[in-house]
Amino acid sequence: MIYEIAVLPVHKEHIDAFRRAFAEVAPLLSRAKGYLGHMLAQGIETPERFNLIMRWASLEDHTPGFEASEDHRVFRLGLEKYFSEEPQVYHIEGAAFSA
């Protein structure tokens, strides 16, 4: 299983609008091949930084898969005006969380 972690820096004055915009484009994620779920988490010490953690069946499902799709373009377009700088994205490999 692959986890994609995207650190999303949002303008402080647009945090609420970003949350609404994310809710509107989030359904695009579930249509992607290999999508296994996601979580959007707001920083506690840095509330203007969000972490989007997504589970993918394989790295190829995310990139080039989803990243090359029209759904990704629309997803990104719906959010990019809220970013204060370019998001940082990286991947890790691992099993599901254990209890």
C-alpha atoms as a PDB file:
ATOM      1  CA  MET A   1       0.000   0.000   0.000  1.00  0.00           C
ATOM      2  CA  ILE A   2       1.208   3.495  -0.872  1.00  0.00           C
ATOM      3  CA  TYR A   3       0.462   6.651   1.079  1.00  0.00           C
ATOM      4  CA  GLU A   4       0.616   9.986  -0.653  1.00  0.00           C
ATOM      5  CA  ILE A   5       1.209  12.846   1.763  1.00  0.00           C
ATOM      6  CA  ALA A   6       0.543  16.351   0.496  1.00  0.00           C
ATOM      7  CA  VAL A   7       1.360  19.328   2.713  1.00  0.00           C
ATOM      8  CA  LEU A   8      -1.047  22.058   1.646  1.00  0.00           C
ATOM      9  CA  PRO A   9      -0.151  25.597   2.791  1.00  0.00           C
ATOM     10  CA  VAL A  10      -3.315  27.721   2.794  1.00  0.00           C
ATOM     11  CA  HIS A  11      -3.625  31.493   3.171  1.00  0.00           C
ATOM     12  CA  LYS A  12      -4.797  32.059   6.759  1.00  0.00           C
ATOM     13  CA  GLU A  13      -7.673  34.269   5.666  1.00  0.00           C
ATOM     14  CA  HIS A  14      -8.995  31.565   3.313  1.00  0.00           C
ATOM     15  CA  ILE A  15      -9.017  28.499   5.587  1.00  0.00           C
ATOM     16  CA  ASP A  16     -12.828  28.217   5.729  1.00  0.00           C
ATOM     17  CA  ALA A  17     -13.175  28.739   1.978  1.00  0.00           C
ATOM     18  CA  PHE A  18     -10.487  26.106   1.383  1.00  0.00           C
ATOM     19  CA  ARG A  19     -12.393  23.581   3.510  1.00  0.00           C
ATOM     20  CA  ARG A  20     -15.565  24.217   1.492  1.00  0.00           C
ATOM     21  CA  ALA A  21     -13.696  23.975  -1.811  1.00  0.00           C
ATOM     22  CA  PHE A  22     -12.063  20.718  -0.734  1.00  0.00           C
ATOM     23  CA  ALA A  23     -15.448  19.228   0.146  1.00  0.00           C
ATOM     24  CA  GLU A  24     -16.652  20.098  -3.362  1.00  0.00           C
ATOM     25  CA  VAL A  25     -13.742  18.462  -5.220  1.00  0.00           C
ATOM     26  CA  ALA A  26     -13.120  15.497  -2.875  1.00  0.00           C
ATOM     27  CA  PRO A  27     -15.594  13.214  -4.730  1.00  0.00           C
ATOM     28  CA  LEU A  28     -13.224  13.323  -7.718  1.00  0.00           C
ATOM     29  CA  LEU A  29     -10.686  11.344  -5.682  1.00  0.00           C
ATOM     30  CA  SER A  30     -12.924   8.328  -5.160  1.00  0.00           C
ATOM     31  CA  ARG A  31     -13.316   7.864  -8.924  1.00  0.00           C
ATOM     32  CA  ALA A  32      -9.596   7.242  -9.398  1.00  0.00           C
ATOM     33  CA  LYS A  33      -8.297   3.739 -10.101  1.00  0.00           C
ATOM     34  CA  GLY A  34      -6.484   2.394  -7.036  1.00  0.00           C
ATOM     35  CA  TYR A  35      -7.905   4.997  -4.630  1.00  0.00           C
ATOM     36  CA  LEU A  36      -8.278   3.491  -1.142  1.00  0.00           C
ATOM     37  CA  GLY A  37      -9.263   6.512   0.947  1.00  0.00           C
ATOM     38  CA  HIS A  38      -8.052   9.841   2.242  1.00  0.00           C
ATOM     39  CA  MET A  39      -7.919  12.086   5.271  1.00  0.00           C
ATOM     40  CA  LEU A  40      -7.583  15.870   5.320  1.00  0.00           C
ATOM     41  CA  ALA A  41      -6.054  17.057   8.598  1.00  0.00           C
ATOM     42  CA  GLN A  42      -5.464  20.626   9.728  1.00  0.00           C
ATOM     43  CA  GLY A  43      -2.305  21.434  11.671  1.00  0.00           C
ATOM     44  CA  ILE A  44      -2.732  22.266  15.338  1.00  0.00           C
ATOM     45  CA  GLU A  45       0.363  24.434  15.789  1.00  0.00           C
ATOM     46  CA  THR A  46       0.116  25.672  12.196  1.00  0.00           C
ATOM     47  CA  PRO A  47      -3.601  25.789  11.292  1.00  0.00           C
ATOM     48  CA  GLU A  48      -2.790  27.230   7.868  1.00  0.00           C
ATOM     49  CA  ARG A  49      -1.058  23.935   6.940  1.00  0.00           C
ATOM     50  CA  PHE A  50      -3.215  21.001   5.973  1.00  0.00           C
ATOM     51  CA  ASN A  51      -2.036  17.455   5.383  1.00  0.00           C
ATOM     52  CA  LEU A  52      -3.852  15.407   2.793  1.00  0.00           C
ATOM     53  CA  ILE A  53      -3.054  11.741   3.337  1.00  0.00           C
ATOM     54  CA  MET A  54      -4.285   9.420   0.620  1.00  0.00           C
ATOM     55  CA  ARG A  55      -4.031   5.649   0.311  1.00  0.00           C
ATOM     56  CA  TRP A  56      -3.327   4.150  -3.106  1.00  0.00           C
ATOM     57  CA  ALA A  57      -3.080   0.533  -4.205  1.00  0.00           C
ATOM     58  CA  SER A  58       0.139   1.358  -6.088  1.00  0.00           C
ATOM     59  CA  LEU A  59       2.362   4.323  -6.855  1.00  0.00           C
ATOM     60  CA  GLU A  60       1.376   4.033 -10.516  1.00  0.00           C
ATOM     61  CA  ASP A  61      -2.284   4.525  -9.578  1.00  0.00           C
ATOM     62  CA  HIS A  62      -1.380   7.953  -8.234  1.00  0.00           C
ATOM     63  CA  THR A  63       1.396   8.902 -10.589  1.00  0.00           C
ATOM     64  CA  PRO A  64       1.037   8.841 -13.507  1.00  0.00           C
ATOM     65  CA  GLY A  65      -2.540   7.488 -13.056  1.00  0.00           C
ATOM     66  CA  PHE A  66      -4.559  10.101 -11.175  1.00  0.00           C
ATOM     67  CA  GLU A  67      -2.071  12.922 -11.762  1.00  0.00           C
ATOM     68  CA  ALA A  68      -2.446  12.563 -15.532  1.00  0.00           C
ATOM     69  CA  SER A  69      -6.256  12.585 -15.406  1.00  0.00           C
ATOM     70  CA  GLU A  70      -8.814  15.292 -16.091  1.00  0.00           C
ATOM     71  CA  ASP A  71     -10.215  14.689 -12.579  1.00  0.00           C
ATOM     72  CA  HIS A  72      -6.836  15.656 -11.107  1.00  0.00           C
ATOM     73  CA  ARG A  73      -6.744  18.821 -13.199  1.00  0.00           C
ATOM     74  CA  VAL A  74     -10.219  19.821 -11.951  1.00  0.00           C
ATOM     75  CA  PHE A  75      -9.311  18.825  -8.357  1.00  0.00           C
ATOM     76  CA  ARG A  76      -6.174  20.969  -8.448  1.00  0.00           C
ATOM     77  CA  LEU A  77      -7.933  23.882 -10.158  1.00  0.00           C
ATOM     78  CA  GLY A  78     -10.581  23.924  -7.416  1.00  0.00           C
ATOM     79  CA  LEU A  79      -7.958  24.332  -4.689  1.00  0.00           C
ATOM     80  CA  GLU A  80      -4.919  26.122  -6.056  1.00  0.00           C
ATOM     81  CA  LYS A  81      -6.151  29.685  -5.470  1.00  0.00           C
ATOM     82  CA  TYR A  82      -6.136  28.990  -1.714  1.00  0.00           C
ATOM     83  CA  PHE A  83      -2.470  27.910  -1.569  1.00  0.00           C
ATOM     84  CA  SER A  84       0.033  30.364  -0.137  1.00  0.00           C
ATOM     85  CA  GLU A  85       2.866  28.411  -1.782  1.00  0.00           C
ATOM     86  CA  GLU A  86       3.331  25.266  -3.832  1.00  0.00           C
ATOM     87  CA  PRO A  87       2.181  22.111  -1.971  1.00  0.00           C
ATOM     88  CA  GLN A  88       4.830  19.523  -1.154  1.00  0.00           C
ATOM     89  CA  VAL A  89       3.939  15.941  -2.081  1.00  0.00           C
ATOM     90  CA  TYR A  90       5.760  12.725  -1.240  1.00  0.00           C
ATOM     91  CA  HIS A  91       4.997   9.025  -0.977  1.00  0.00           C
ATOM     92  CA  ILE A  92       5.670   6.344   1.620  1.00  0.00           C
ATOM     93  CA  GLU A  93       5.076   2.619   1.547  1.00  0.00           C
ATOM     94  CA  GLY A  94       3.557   0.714   4.426  1.00  0.00           C
ATOM     95  CA  ALA A  95       0.698  -1.276   5.838  1.00  0.00           C
ATOM     96  CA  ALA A  96      -2.518   0.106   7.292  1.00  0.00           C
ATOM     97  CA  PHE A  97      -2.412   1.604  10.783  1.00  0.00           C
ATOM     98  CA  SER A  98      -2.458  -0.946  13.576  1.00  0.00           C
ATOM     99  CA  ALA A  99      -4.504  -0.588  16.736  1.00  0.00           C
END
